């Protein structure tokens, strides 16, 4: 029986483990990135709805729609609705949820906002 040289039995194991764990690490990074994009979409929708409602309360529906789209690119699939409800002007902004980057979308996120109507003649 030939003599075994010590330390040669695990040769290459680190390389194999690295190759095996890289796809798992990449999937984890992609999942975290997707969570970041979803959170950012919620933030964008809420902020756009608040700005739109404020602009609508002061200047009307056309200003509301323009304010909703002011800071959001077309890749987010923006849809906005502006309306008056009593003494409150309301805006609802809907964005598409991106998959890894805006433009490749799979769902919708909605943000809403309201602002008190401005009195005329003061």
PDB file of N, CA and C in Angstrom:
ATOM      1  N   UNK A   1       0.821  -1.173   0.000  1.00  0.00           N
ATOM      2  CA  UNK A   1       0.000   0.000   0.000  1.00  0.00           C
ATOM      3  C   UNK A   1       0.881   1.259   0.000  1.00  0.00           C
ATOM      4  N   UNK A   2       0.621   2.190  -0.948  1.00  0.00           N
ATOM      5  CA  UNK A   2       1.462   3.383  -0.998  1.00  0.00           C
ATOM      6  C   UNK A   2       1.183   4.287   0.207  1.00  0.00           C
ATOM      7  N   UNK A   3       2.190   4.976   0.603  1.00  0.00           N
ATOM      8  CA  UNK A   3       2.057   5.891   1.741  1.00  0.00           C
ATOM      9  C   UNK A   3       1.318   7.153   1.301  1.00  0.00           C
ATOM     10  N   UNK A   4       0.378   7.580   2.136  1.00  0.00           N
ATOM     11  CA  UNK A   4      -0.361   8.833   1.854  1.00  0.00           C
ATOM     12  C   UNK A   4       0.420  10.024   2.340  1.00  0.00           C
ATOM     13  N   UNK A   5       0.406  11.004   1.519  1.00  0.00           N
ATOM     14  CA  UNK A   5       1.053  12.231   1.954  1.00  0.00           C
ATOM     15  C   UNK A   5       0.045  13.053   2.747  1.00  0.00           C
ATOM     16  N   UNK A   6       0.434  13.587   3.869  1.00  0.00           N
ATOM     17  CA  UNK A   6      -0.512  14.348   4.698  1.00  0.00           C
ATOM     18  C   UNK A   6      -0.926  15.651   4.018  1.00  0.00           C
ATOM     19  N   UNK A   7      -2.213  16.034   4.207  1.00  0.00           N
ATOM     20  CA  UNK A   7      -2.712  17.332   3.733  1.00  0.00           C
ATOM     21  C   UNK A   7      -3.195  17.344   2.302  1.00  0.00           C
ATOM     22  N   UNK A   8      -3.184  16.241   1.584  1.00  0.00           N
ATOM     23  CA  UNK A   8      -3.577  16.249   0.185  1.00  0.00           C
ATOM     24  C   UNK A   8      -5.012  15.763  -0.013  1.00  0.00           C
ATOM     25  N   UNK A   9      -5.700  15.280   1.021  1.00  0.00           N
ATOM     26  CA  UNK A   9      -7.034  14.722   0.870  1.00  0.00           C
ATOM     27  C   UNK A   9      -8.115  15.773   0.623  1.00  0.00           C
ATOM     28  N   UNK A  10      -7.939  16.974   1.101  1.00  0.00           N
ATOM     29  CA  UNK A  10      -8.940  18.030   0.951  1.00  0.00           C
ATOM     30  C   UNK A  10      -8.566  19.043  -0.128  1.00  0.00           C
ATOM     31  N   UNK A  11      -7.667  18.676  -0.953  1.00  0.00           N
ATOM     32  CA  UNK A  11      -7.186  19.601  -1.970  1.00  0.00           C
ATOM     33  C   UNK A  11      -8.320  19.982  -2.923  1.00  0.00           C
ATOM     34  N   UNK A  12      -8.541  21.269  -3.140  1.00  0.00           N
ATOM     35  CA  UNK A  12      -9.567  21.759  -4.051  1.00  0.00           C
ATOM     36  C   UNK A  12     -10.941  21.928  -3.420  1.00  0.00           C
ATOM     37  N   UNK A  13     -11.082  21.593  -2.153  1.00  0.00           N
ATOM     38  CA  UNK A  13     -12.401  21.670  -1.529  1.00  0.00           C
ATOM     39  C   UNK A  13     -12.898  23.110  -1.419  1.00  0.00           C
ATOM     40  N   UNK A  14     -12.033  24.038  -1.141  1.00  0.00           N
ATOM     41  CA  UNK A  14     -12.435  25.446  -1.039  1.00  0.00           C
ATOM     42  C   UNK A  14     -12.977  25.938  -2.368  1.00  0.00           C
ATOM     43  N   UNK A  15     -12.376  25.571  -3.453  1.00  0.00           N
ATOM     44  CA  UNK A  15     -12.843  25.989  -4.776  1.00  0.00           C
ATOM     45  C   UNK A  15     -14.231  25.417  -5.064  1.00  0.00           C
ATOM     46  N   UNK A  16     -14.441  24.162  -4.713  1.00  0.00           N
ATOM     47  CA  UNK A  16     -15.744  23.530  -4.938  1.00  0.00           C
ATOM     48  C   UNK A  16     -16.822  24.197  -4.071  1.00  0.00           C
ATOM     49  N   UNK A  17     -16.506  24.462  -2.817  1.00  0.00           N
ATOM     50  CA  UNK A  17     -17.472  25.117  -1.934  1.00  0.00           C
ATOM     51  C   UNK A  17     -17.797  26.523  -2.430  1.00  0.00           C
ATOM     52  N   UNK A  18     -16.788  27.219  -2.910  1.00  0.00           N
ATOM     53  CA  UNK A  18     -17.002  28.566  -3.430  1.00  0.00           C
ATOM     54  C   UNK A  18     -17.938  28.544  -4.629  1.00  0.00           C
ATOM     55  N   UNK A  19     -17.698  27.634  -5.559  1.00  0.00           N
ATOM     56  CA  UNK A  19     -18.534  27.508  -6.749  1.00  0.00           C
ATOM     57  C   UNK A  19     -19.962  27.133  -6.361  1.00  0.00           C
ATOM     58  N   UNK A  20     -20.116  26.351  -5.327  1.00  0.00           N
ATOM     59  CA  UNK A  20     -21.453  25.943  -4.882  1.00  0.00           C
ATOM     60  C   UNK A  20     -22.212  27.029  -4.163  1.00  0.00           C
ATOM     61  N   UNK A  21     -21.529  27.917  -3.463  1.00  0.00           N
ATOM     62  CA  UNK A  21     -22.220  28.955  -2.696  1.00  0.00           C
ATOM     63  C   UNK A  21     -22.441  30.247  -3.476  1.00  0.00           C
ATOM     64  N   UNK A  22     -21.700  30.471  -4.545  1.00  0.00           N
ATOM     65  CA  UNK A  22     -21.861  31.706  -5.317  1.00  0.00           C
ATOM     66  C   UNK A  22     -23.293  31.900  -5.825  1.00  0.00           C
ATOM     67  N   UNK A  23     -23.951  30.895  -6.401  1.00  0.00           N
ATOM     68  CA  UNK A  23     -25.336  31.102  -6.838  1.00  0.00           C
ATOM     69  C   UNK A  23     -26.279  31.458  -5.682  1.00  0.00           C
ATOM     70  N   UNK A  24     -26.057  30.860  -4.520  1.00  0.00           N
ATOM     71  CA  UNK A  24     -26.892  31.194  -3.362  1.00  0.00           C
ATOM     72  C   UNK A  24     -26.682  32.637  -2.913  1.00  0.00           C
ATOM     73  N   UNK A  25     -25.448  33.073  -2.938  1.00  0.00           N
ATOM     74  CA  UNK A  25     -25.148  34.461  -2.563  1.00  0.00           C
ATOM     75  C   UNK A  25     -25.768  35.424  -3.573  1.00  0.00           C
ATOM     76  N   UNK A  26     -25.688  35.102  -4.848  1.00  0.00           N
ATOM     77  CA  UNK A  26     -26.278  35.959  -5.878  1.00  0.00           C
ATOM     78  C   UNK A  26     -27.800  36.025  -5.744  1.00  0.00           C
ATOM     79  N   UNK A  27     -28.438  34.901  -5.430  1.00  0.00           N
ATOM     80  CA  UNK A  27     -29.890  34.909  -5.199  1.00  0.00           C
ATOM     81  C   UNK A  27     -30.250  35.767  -4.007  1.00  0.00           C
ATOM     82  N   UNK A  28     -29.459  35.699  -2.948  1.00  0.00           N
ATOM     83  CA  UNK A  28     -29.707  36.519  -1.767  1.00  0.00           C
ATOM     84  C   UNK A  28     -29.556  38.004  -2.095  1.00  0.00           C
ATOM     85  N   UNK A  29     -28.534  38.356  -2.845  1.00  0.00           N
ATOM     86  CA  UNK A  29     -28.331  39.755  -3.247  1.00  0.00           C
ATOM     87  C   UNK A  29     -29.507  40.236  -4.103  1.00  0.00           C
ATOM     88  N   UNK A  30     -29.978  39.395  -5.028  1.00  0.00           N
ATOM     89  CA  UNK A  30     -31.117  39.765  -5.874  1.00  0.00           C
ATOM     90  C   UNK A  30     -32.379  39.954  -5.032  1.00  0.00           C
ATOM     91  N   UNK A  31     -32.592  39.102  -4.039  1.00  0.00           N
ATOM     92  CA  UNK A  31     -33.769  39.228  -3.171  1.00  0.00           C
ATOM     93  C   UNK A  31     -33.708  40.508  -2.348  1.00  0.00           C
ATOM     94  N   UNK A  32     -32.543  40.836  -1.828  1.00  0.00           N
ATOM     95  CA  UNK A  32     -32.397  42.080  -1.060  1.00  0.00           C
ATOM     96  C   UNK A  32     -32.615  43.287  -1.973  1.00  0.00           C
ATOM     97  N   UNK A  33     -32.065  43.256  -3.183  1.00  0.00           N
ATOM     98  CA  UNK A  33     -32.252  44.351  -4.132  1.00  0.00           C
ATOM     99  C   UNK A  33     -33.723  44.532  -4.474  1.00  0.00           C
ATOM    100  N   UNK A  34     -34.456  43.419  -4.643  1.00  0.00           N
ATOM    101  CA  UNK A  34     -35.881  43.501  -4.941  1.00  0.00           C
ATOM    102  C   UNK A  34     -36.635  44.155  -3.782  1.00  0.00           C
ATOM    103  N   UNK A  35     -36.264  43.833  -2.560  1.00  0.00           N
ATOM    104  CA  UNK A  35     -36.887  44.467  -1.392  1.00  0.00           C
ATOM    105  C   UNK A  35     -36.605  45.965  -1.363  1.00  0.00           C
ATOM    106  N   UNK A  36     -35.396  46.340  -1.730  1.00  0.00           N
ATOM    107  CA  UNK A  36     -35.045  47.768  -1.797  1.00  0.00           C
ATOM    108  C   UNK A  36     -35.904  48.471  -2.849  1.00  0.00           C
ATOM    109  N   UNK A  37     -36.070  47.868  -4.015  1.00  0.00           N
ATOM    110  CA  UNK A  37     -36.880  48.477  -5.071  1.00  0.00           C
ATOM    111  C   UNK A  37     -38.348  48.597  -4.664  1.00  0.00           C
ATOM    112  N   UNK A  38     -38.877  47.602  -3.981  1.00  0.00           N
ATOM    113  CA  UNK A  38     -40.271  47.662  -3.529  1.00  0.00           C
ATOM    114  C   UNK A  38     -40.437  48.788  -2.511  1.00  0.00           C
ATOM    115  N   UNK A  39     -39.518  48.896  -1.576  1.00  0.00           N
ATOM    116  CA  UNK A  39     -39.571  49.983  -0.601  1.00  0.00           C
ATOM    117  C   UNK A  39     -39.461  51.350  -1.260  1.00  0.00           C
ATOM    118  N   UNK A  40     -38.574  51.454  -2.234  1.00  0.00           N
ATOM    119  CA  UNK A  40     -38.414  52.713  -2.957  1.00  0.00           C
ATOM    120  C   UNK A  40     -39.680  53.063  -3.733  1.00  0.00           C
ATOM    121  N   UNK A  41     -40.338  52.055  -4.303  1.00  0.00           N
ATOM    122  CA  UNK A  41     -41.588  52.288  -5.030  1.00  0.00           C
ATOM    123  C   UNK A  41     -42.674  52.799  -4.085  1.00  0.00           C
ATOM    124  N   UNK A  42     -42.769  52.242  -2.881  1.00  0.00           N
ATOM    125  CA  UNK A  42     -43.729  52.738  -1.893  1.00  0.00           C
ATOM    126  C   UNK A  42     -43.434  54.192  -1.540  1.00  0.00           C
ATOM    127  N   UNK A  43     -42.156  54.504  -1.356  1.00  0.00           N
ATOM    128  CA  UNK A  43     -41.763  55.869  -1.027  1.00  0.00           C
ATOM    129  C   UNK A  43     -42.091  56.835  -2.166  1.00  0.00           C
ATOM    130  N   UNK A  44     -41.784  56.437  -3.401  1.00  0.00           N
ATOM    131  CA  UNK A  44     -42.100  57.278  -4.563  1.00  0.00           C
ATOM    132  C   UNK A  44     -43.599  57.521  -4.698  1.00  0.00           C
ATOM    133  N   UNK A  45     -44.393  56.463  -4.547  1.00  0.00           N
ATOM    134  CA  UNK A  45     -45.849  56.584  -4.715  1.00  0.00           C
ATOM    135  C   UNK A  45     -46.446  57.496  -3.653  1.00  0.00           C
ATOM    136  N   UNK A  46     -46.029  57.333  -2.413  1.00  0.00           N
ATOM    137  CA  UNK A  46     -46.556  58.178  -1.336  1.00  0.00           C
ATOM    138  C   UNK A  46     -46.172  59.631  -1.499  1.00  0.00           C
ATOM    139  N   UNK A  47     -44.920  59.884  -1.836  1.00  0.00           N
ATOM    140  CA  UNK A  47     -44.461  61.262  -2.021  1.00  0.00           C
ATOM    141  C   UNK A  47     -45.146  61.918  -3.210  1.00  0.00           C
ATOM    142  N   UNK A  48     -45.272  61.185  -4.313  1.00  0.00           N
ATOM    143  CA  UNK A  48     -45.939  61.743  -5.497  1.00  0.00           C
ATOM    144  C   UNK A  48     -47.405  62.059  -5.198  1.00  0.00           C
ATOM    145  N   UNK A  49     -48.077  61.192  -4.440  1.00  0.00           N
ATOM    146  CA  UNK A  49     -49.480  61.441  -4.098  1.00  0.00           C
ATOM    147  C   UNK A  49     -49.621  62.669  -3.199  1.00  0.00           C
ATOM    148  N   UNK A  50     -48.724  62.823  -2.237  1.00  0.00           N
ATOM    149  CA  UNK A  50     -48.768  64.003  -1.360  1.00  0.00           C
ATOM    150  C   UNK A  50     -48.536  65.292  -2.146  1.00  0.00           C
ATOM    151  N   UNK A  51     -47.527  65.281  -3.013  1.00  0.00           N
ATOM    152  CA  UNK A  51     -47.256  66.476  -3.828  1.00  0.00           C
ATOM    153  C   UNK A  51     -48.415  66.782  -4.772  1.00  0.00           C
ATOM    154  N   UNK A  52     -48.989  65.735  -5.346  1.00  0.00           N
ATOM    155  CA  UNK A  52     -50.104  65.925  -6.273  1.00  0.00           C
ATOM    156  C   UNK A  52     -51.328  66.490  -5.554  1.00  0.00           C
ATOM    157  N   UNK A  53     -51.621  65.973  -4.377  1.00  0.00           N
ATOM    158  CA  UNK A  53     -52.782  66.468  -3.628  1.00  0.00           C
ATOM    159  C   UNK A  53     -52.596  67.936  -3.251  1.00  0.00           C
ATOM    160  N   UNK A  54     -51.414  68.295  -2.831  1.00  0.00           N
ATOM    161  CA  UNK A  54     -51.147  69.697  -2.462  1.00  0.00           C
ATOM    162  C   UNK A  54     -51.295  70.609  -3.678  1.00  0.00           C
ATOM    163  N   UNK A  55     -50.727  70.207  -4.808  1.00  0.00           N
ATOM    164  CA  UNK A  55     -50.840  71.017  -6.024  1.00  0.00           C
ATOM    165  C   UNK A  55     -52.291  71.097  -6.482  1.00  0.00           C
ATOM    166  N   UNK A  56     -53.034  70.011  -6.369  1.00  0.00           N
ATOM    167  CA  UNK A  56     -54.437  70.012  -6.765  1.00  0.00           C
ATOM    168  C   UNK A  56     -55.289  70.897  -5.875  1.00  0.00           C
ATOM    169  N   UNK A  57     -54.982  70.937  -4.588  1.00  0.00           N
ATOM    170  CA  UNK A  57     -55.742  71.783  -3.662  1.00  0.00           C
ATOM    171  C   UNK A  57     -55.542  73.262  -3.965  1.00  0.00           C
ATOM    172  N   UNK A  58     -54.389  73.601  -4.479  1.00  0.00           N
ATOM    173  CA  UNK A  58     -54.088  75.003  -4.758  1.00  0.00           C
ATOM    174  C   UNK A  58     -54.476  75.403  -6.182  1.00  0.00           C
ATOM    175  N   UNK A  59     -54.145  74.554  -7.173  1.00  0.00           N
ATOM    176  CA  UNK A  59     -54.286  74.964  -8.573  1.00  0.00           C
ATOM    177  C   UNK A  59     -55.236  74.124  -9.409  1.00  0.00           C
ATOM    178  N   UNK A  60     -55.738  73.007  -8.900  1.00  0.00           N
ATOM    179  CA  UNK A  60     -56.693  72.217  -9.666  1.00  0.00           C
ATOM    180  C   UNK A  60     -56.127  70.921 -10.223  1.00  0.00           C
ATOM    181  N   UNK A  61     -56.976  70.254 -10.996  1.00  0.00           N
ATOM    182  CA  UNK A  61     -56.676  68.901 -11.464  1.00  0.00           C
ATOM    183  C   UNK A  61     -55.453  68.818 -12.372  1.00  0.00           C
ATOM    184  N   UNK A  62     -55.293  69.743 -13.296  1.00  0.00           N
ATOM    185  CA  UNK A  62     -54.146  69.696 -14.211  1.00  0.00           C
ATOM    186  C   UNK A  62     -52.824  69.788 -13.445  1.00  0.00           C
ATOM    187  N   UNK A  63     -52.778  70.643 -12.443  1.00  0.00           N
ATOM    188  CA  UNK A  63     -51.571  70.768 -11.624  1.00  0.00           C
ATOM    189  C   UNK A  63     -51.336  69.512 -10.794  1.00  0.00           C
ATOM    190  N   UNK A  64     -52.411  68.876 -10.378  1.00  0.00           N
ATOM    191  CA  UNK A  64     -52.311  67.639  -9.602  1.00  0.00           C
ATOM    192  C   UNK A  64     -51.653  66.535 -10.430  1.00  0.00           C
ATOM    193  N   UNK A  65     -52.125  66.337 -11.632  1.00  0.00           N
ATOM    194  CA  UNK A  65     -51.581  65.292 -12.509  1.00  0.00           C
ATOM    195  C   UNK A  65     -50.123  65.593 -12.854  1.00  0.00           C
ATOM    196  N   UNK A  66     -49.809  66.847 -13.117  1.00  0.00           N
ATOM    197  CA  UNK A  66     -48.427  67.227 -13.451  1.00  0.00           C
ATOM    198  C   UNK A  66     -47.497  67.021 -12.261  1.00  0.00           C
ATOM    199  N   UNK A  67     -47.964  67.355 -11.060  1.00  0.00           N
ATOM    200  CA  UNK A  67     -47.127  67.188  -9.870  1.00  0.00           C
ATOM    201  C   UNK A  67     -46.882  65.718  -9.565  1.00  0.00           C
ATOM    202  N   UNK A  68     -47.856  64.870  -9.845  1.00  0.00           N
ATOM    203  CA  UNK A  68     -47.675  63.436  -9.602  1.00  0.00           C
ATOM    204  C   UNK A  68     -46.575  62.861 -10.486  1.00  0.00           C
ATOM    205  N   UNK A  69     -46.473  63.335 -11.696  1.00  0.00           N
ATOM    206  CA  UNK A  69     -45.505  62.794 -12.653  1.00  0.00           C
ATOM    207  C   UNK A  69     -44.173  63.529 -12.657  1.00  0.00           C
ATOM    208  N   UNK A  70     -44.044  64.554 -11.845  1.00  0.00           N
ATOM    209  CA  UNK A  70     -42.859  65.412 -11.916  1.00  0.00           C
ATOM    210  C   UNK A  70     -41.547  64.673 -11.639  1.00  0.00           C
ATOM    211  N   UNK A  71     -41.510  63.797 -10.633  1.00  0.00           N
ATOM    212  CA  UNK A  71     -40.252  63.161 -10.225  1.00  0.00           C
ATOM    213  C   UNK A  71     -40.203  61.668 -10.536  1.00  0.00           C
ATOM    214  N   UNK A  72     -41.150  61.165 -11.310  1.00  0.00           N
ATOM    215  CA  UNK A  72     -41.212  59.727 -11.584  1.00  0.00           C
ATOM    216  C   UNK A  72     -41.067  59.482 -13.083  1.00  0.00           C
ATOM    217  N   UNK A  73     -40.142  58.600 -13.451  1.00  0.00           N
ATOM    218  CA  UNK A  73     -39.928  58.321 -14.872  1.00  0.00           C
ATOM    219  C   UNK A  73     -41.006  57.377 -15.404  1.00  0.00           C
ATOM    220  N   UNK A  74     -41.053  57.247 -16.723  1.00  0.00           N
ATOM    221  CA  UNK A  74     -42.056  56.412 -17.384  1.00  0.00           C
ATOM    222  C   UNK A  74     -41.886  54.928 -17.066  1.00  0.00           C
ATOM    223  N   UNK A  75     -40.691  54.510 -16.676  1.00  0.00           N
ATOM    224  CA  UNK A  75     -40.426  53.097 -16.411  1.00  0.00           C
ATOM    225  C   UNK A  75     -41.243  52.560 -15.237  1.00  0.00           C
ATOM    226  N   UNK A  76     -41.719  53.445 -14.368  1.00  0.00           N
ATOM    227  CA  UNK A  76     -42.495  53.024 -13.202  1.00  0.00           C
ATOM    228  C   UNK A  76     -43.966  52.815 -13.540  1.00  0.00           C
ATOM    229  N   UNK A  77     -44.397  53.095 -14.748  1.00  0.00           N
ATOM    230  CA  UNK A  77     -45.793  52.870 -15.149  1.00  0.00           C
ATOM    231  C   UNK A  77     -46.773  53.682 -14.321  1.00  0.00           C
ATOM    232  N   UNK A  78     -46.516  54.949 -14.166  1.00  0.00           N
ATOM    233  CA  UNK A  78     -47.329  55.827 -13.320  1.00  0.00           C
ATOM    234  C   UNK A  78     -48.759  55.966 -13.823  1.00  0.00           C
ATOM    235  N   UNK A  79     -49.702  55.855 -12.901  1.00  0.00           N
ATOM    236  CA  UNK A  79     -51.105  56.187 -13.141  1.00  0.00           C
ATOM    237  C   UNK A  79     -51.546  57.026 -11.959  1.00  0.00           C
ATOM    238  N   UNK A  80     -52.237  58.126 -12.230  1.00  0.00           N
ATOM    239  CA  UNK A  80     -52.674  58.990 -11.133  1.00  0.00           C
ATOM    240  C   UNK A  80     -54.145  59.341 -11.289  1.00  0.00           C
ATOM    241  N   UNK A  81     -54.782  59.540 -10.148  1.00  0.00           N
ATOM    242  CA  UNK A  81     -56.182  59.977 -10.107  1.00  0.00           C
ATOM    243  C   UNK A  81     -56.275  61.122  -9.105  1.00  0.00           C
ATOM    244  N   UNK A  82     -56.883  62.204  -9.509  1.00  0.00           N
ATOM    245  CA  UNK A  82     -57.030  63.382  -8.662  1.00  0.00           C
ATOM    246  C   UNK A  82     -58.509  63.731  -8.556  1.00  0.00           C
ATOM    247  N   UNK A  83     -58.982  64.000  -7.345  1.00  0.00           N
ATOM    248  CA  UNK A  83     -60.396  64.321  -7.162  1.00  0.00           C
ATOM    249  C   UNK A  83     -60.599  65.063  -5.848  1.00  0.00           C
ATOM    250  N   UNK A  84     -61.729  65.755  -5.802  1.00  0.00           N
ATOM    251  CA  UNK A  84     -62.102  66.493  -4.596  1.00  0.00           C
ATOM    252  C   UNK A  84     -63.110  65.674  -3.805  1.00  0.00           C
ATOM    253  N   UNK A  85     -62.909  65.627  -2.498  1.00  0.00           N
ATOM    254  CA  UNK A  85     -63.810  64.910  -1.603  1.00  0.00           C
ATOM    255  C   UNK A  85     -64.141  65.843  -0.441  1.00  0.00           C
ATOM    256  N   UNK A  86     -65.231  66.600  -0.597  1.00  0.00           N
ATOM    257  CA  UNK A  86     -65.583  67.581   0.422  1.00  0.00           C
ATOM    258  C   UNK A  86     -64.584  68.723   0.436  1.00  0.00           C
ATOM    259  N   UNK A  87     -64.001  68.988   1.598  1.00  0.00           N
ATOM    260  CA  UNK A  87     -62.996  70.050   1.736  1.00  0.00           C
ATOM    261  C   UNK A  87     -61.568  69.539   1.582  1.00  0.00           C
ATOM    262  N   UNK A  88     -61.437  68.318   1.122  1.00  0.00           N
ATOM    263  CA  UNK A  88     -60.115  67.716   0.959  1.00  0.00           C
ATOM    264  C   UNK A  88     -59.913  67.346  -0.509  1.00  0.00           C
ATOM    265  N   UNK A  89     -58.753  67.703  -1.037  1.00  0.00           N
ATOM    266  CA  UNK A  89     -58.400  67.301  -2.390  1.00  0.00           C
ATOM    267  C   UNK A  89     -57.526  66.062  -2.265  1.00  0.00           C
ATOM    268  N   UNK A  90     -57.909  64.988  -2.933  1.00  0.00           N
ATOM    269  CA  UNK A  90     -57.211  63.717  -2.798  1.00  0.00           C
ATOM    270  C   UNK A  90     -56.532  63.312  -4.105  1.00  0.00           C
ATOM    271  N   UNK A  91     -55.432  62.613  -3.949  1.00  0.00           N
ATOM    272  CA  UNK A  91     -54.695  62.079  -5.102  1.00  0.00           C
ATOM    273  C   UNK A  91     -54.330  60.638  -4.811  1.00  0.00           C
ATOM    274  N   UNK A  92     -54.428  59.822  -5.835  1.00  0.00           N
ATOM    275  CA  UNK A  92     -54.044  58.413  -5.731  1.00  0.00           C
ATOM    276  C   UNK A  92     -53.055  58.127  -6.857  1.00  0.00           C
ATOM    277  N   UNK A  93     -51.891  57.625  -6.493  1.00  0.00           N
ATOM    278  CA  UNK A  93     -50.829  57.334  -7.455  1.00  0.00           C
ATOM    279  C   UNK A  93     -50.547  55.831  -7.425  1.00  0.00           C
ATOM    280  N   UNK A  94     -50.531  55.215  -8.602  1.00  0.00           N
ATOM    281  CA  UNK A  94     -50.242  53.787  -8.722  1.00  0.00           C
ATOM    282  C   UNK A  94     -48.976  53.601  -9.546  1.00  0.00           C
ATOM    283  N   UNK A  95     -48.051  52.815  -9.009  1.00  0.00           N
ATOM    284  CA  UNK A  95     -46.802  52.498  -9.711  1.00  0.00           C
ATOM    285  C   UNK A  95     -46.705  50.991  -9.889  1.00  0.00           C
ATOM    286  N   UNK A  96     -45.985  50.576 -10.912  1.00  0.00           N
ATOM    287  CA  UNK A  96     -45.752  49.158 -11.117  1.00  0.00           C
ATOM    288  C   UNK A  96     -44.532  48.730 -10.301  1.00  0.00           C
ATOM    289  N   UNK A  97     -44.606  47.540  -9.693  1.00  0.00           N
ATOM    290  CA  UNK A  97     -43.492  47.014  -8.902  1.00  0.00           C
ATOM    291  C   UNK A  97     -42.447  46.441  -9.861  1.00  0.00           C
ATOM    292  N   UNK A  98     -41.213  46.925  -9.778  1.00  0.00           N
ATOM    293  CA  UNK A  98     -40.180  46.433 -10.689  1.00  0.00           C
ATOM    294  C   UNK A  98     -39.574  45.104 -10.234  1.00  0.00           C
ATOM    295  N   UNK A  99     -39.135  44.313 -11.211  1.00  0.00           N
ATOM    296  CA  UNK A  99     -38.369  43.096 -10.933  1.00  0.00           C
ATOM    297  C   UNK A  99     -36.925  43.386 -11.314  1.00  0.00           C
ATOM    298  N   UNK A 100     -36.092  43.592 -10.346  1.00  0.00           N
ATOM    299  CA  UNK A 100     -34.658  43.870 -10.471  1.00  0.00           C
ATOM    300  C   UNK A 100     -34.319  45.232 -11.073  1.00  0.00           C
ATOM    301  N   UNK A 101     -35.154  45.801 -11.936  1.00  0.00           N
ATOM    302  CA  UNK A 101     -34.941  47.171 -12.398  1.00  0.00           C
ATOM    303  C   UNK A 101     -36.282  47.715 -12.909  1.00  0.00           C
ATOM    304  N   UNK A 102     -36.497  49.027 -12.800  1.00  0.00           N
ATOM    305  CA  UNK A 102     -37.755  49.611 -13.300  1.00  0.00           C
ATOM    306  C   UNK A 102     -37.904  49.382 -14.796  1.00  0.00           C
ATOM    307  N   UNK A 103     -39.058  48.952 -15.193  1.00  0.00           N
ATOM    308  CA  UNK A 103     -39.322  48.647 -16.590  1.00  0.00           C
ATOM    309  C   UNK A 103     -39.742  47.198 -16.764  1.00  0.00           C
ATOM    310  N   UNK A 104     -39.203  46.310 -15.937  1.00  0.00           N
ATOM    311  CA  UNK A 104     -39.603  44.901 -15.917  1.00  0.00           C
ATOM    312  C   UNK A 104     -40.484  44.735 -14.683  1.00  0.00           C
ATOM    313  N   UNK A 105     -41.806  44.785 -14.876  1.00  0.00           N
ATOM    314  CA  UNK A 105     -42.724  44.922 -13.746  1.00  0.00           C
ATOM    315  C   UNK A 105     -43.600  43.695 -13.543  1.00  0.00           C
ATOM    316  N   UNK A 106     -44.062  43.490 -12.277  1.00  0.00           N
ATOM    317  CA  UNK A 106     -44.917  42.349 -12.000  1.00  0.00           C
ATOM    318  C   UNK A 106     -46.129  42.644 -11.132  1.00  0.00           C
ATOM    319  N   UNK A 107     -46.295  43.807 -10.608  1.00  0.00           N
ATOM    320  CA  UNK A 107     -47.437  44.120  -9.749  1.00  0.00           C
ATOM    321  C   UNK A 107     -47.615  45.613  -9.618  1.00  0.00           C
ATOM    322  N   UNK A 108     -48.464  46.012  -8.697  1.00  0.00           N
ATOM    323  CA  UNK A 108     -48.750  47.443  -8.514  1.00  0.00           C
ATOM    324  C   UNK A 108     -48.659  47.846  -7.057  1.00  0.00           C
ATOM    325  N   UNK A 109     -48.236  49.078  -6.842  1.00  0.00           N
ATOM    326  CA  UNK A 109     -48.187  49.702  -5.522  1.00  0.00           C
ATOM    327  C   UNK A 109     -48.979  50.989  -5.610  1.00  0.00           C
ATOM    328  N   UNK A 110     -49.772  51.252  -4.596  1.00  0.00           N
ATOM    329  CA  UNK A 110     -50.604  52.459  -4.605  1.00  0.00           C
ATOM    330  C   UNK A 110     -50.249  53.351  -3.423  1.00  0.00           C
ATOM    331  N   UNK A 111     -50.164  54.638  -3.711  1.00  0.00           N
ATOM    332  CA  UNK A 111     -49.966  55.639  -2.674  1.00  0.00           C
ATOM    333  C   UNK A 111     -51.096  56.649  -2.752  1.00  0.00           C
ATOM    334  N   UNK A 112     -51.515  57.151  -1.615  1.00  0.00           N
ATOM    335  CA  UNK A 112     -52.591  58.142  -1.621  1.00  0.00           C
ATOM    336  C   UNK A 112     -52.223  59.297  -0.703  1.00  0.00           C
ATOM    337  N   UNK A 113     -52.771  60.448  -1.034  1.00  0.00           N
ATOM    338  CA  UNK A 113     -52.514  61.642  -0.249  1.00  0.00           C
ATOM    339  C   UNK A 113     -53.700  62.576  -0.302  1.00  0.00           C
ATOM    340  N   UNK A 114     -53.746  63.481   0.630  1.00  0.00           N
ATOM    341  CA  UNK A 114     -54.823  64.463   0.660  1.00  0.00           C
ATOM    342  C   UNK A 114     -54.329  65.779   1.220  1.00  0.00           C
ATOM    343  N   UNK A 115     -54.989  66.842   0.830  1.00  0.00           N
ATOM    344  CA  UNK A 115     -54.644  68.175   1.312  1.00  0.00           C
ATOM    345  C   UNK A 115     -55.925  68.993   1.427  1.00  0.00           C
ATOM    346  N   UNK A 116     -55.973  69.837   2.440  1.00  0.00           N
ATOM    347  CA  UNK A 116     -57.144  70.694   2.635  1.00  0.00           C
ATOM    348  C   UNK A 116     -57.236  71.686   1.470  1.00  0.00           C
ATOM    349  N   UNK A 117     -58.468  71.914   1.011  1.00  0.00           N
ATOM    350  CA  UNK A 117     -58.694  72.852  -0.087  1.00  0.00           C
ATOM    351  C   UNK A 117     -58.336  74.264   0.370  1.00  0.00           C
ATOM    352  N   UNK A 118     -57.720  75.002  -0.529  1.00  0.00           N
ATOM    353  CA  UNK A 118     -57.394  76.391  -0.253  1.00  0.00           C
ATOM    354  C   UNK A 118     -58.640  77.248  -0.439  1.00  0.00           C
ATOM    355  N   UNK A 119     -58.846  78.178   0.447  1.00  0.00           N
ATOM    356  CA  UNK A 119     -60.006  79.081   0.329  1.00  0.00           C
ATOM    357  C   UNK A 119     -59.706  80.171  -0.678  1.00  0.00           C
ATOM    358  N   UNK A 120     -60.678  80.466  -1.485  1.00  0.00           N
ATOM    359  CA  UNK A 120     -60.507  81.527  -2.466  1.00  0.00           C
ATOM    360  C   UNK A 120     -61.047  82.829  -1.892  1.00  0.00           C
ATOM    361  N   UNK A 121     -60.411  83.899  -2.243  1.00  0.00           N
ATOM    362  CA  UNK A 121     -60.888  85.222  -1.864  1.00  0.00           C
ATOM    363  C   UNK A 121     -60.370  85.734  -0.544  1.00  0.00           C
ATOM    364  N   UNK A 122     -59.358  85.107   0.071  1.00  0.00           N
ATOM    365  CA  UNK A 122     -58.805  85.609   1.335  1.00  0.00           C
ATOM    366  C   UNK A 122     -57.635  86.484   1.088  1.00  0.00           C
TER     367      UNK A 122
END
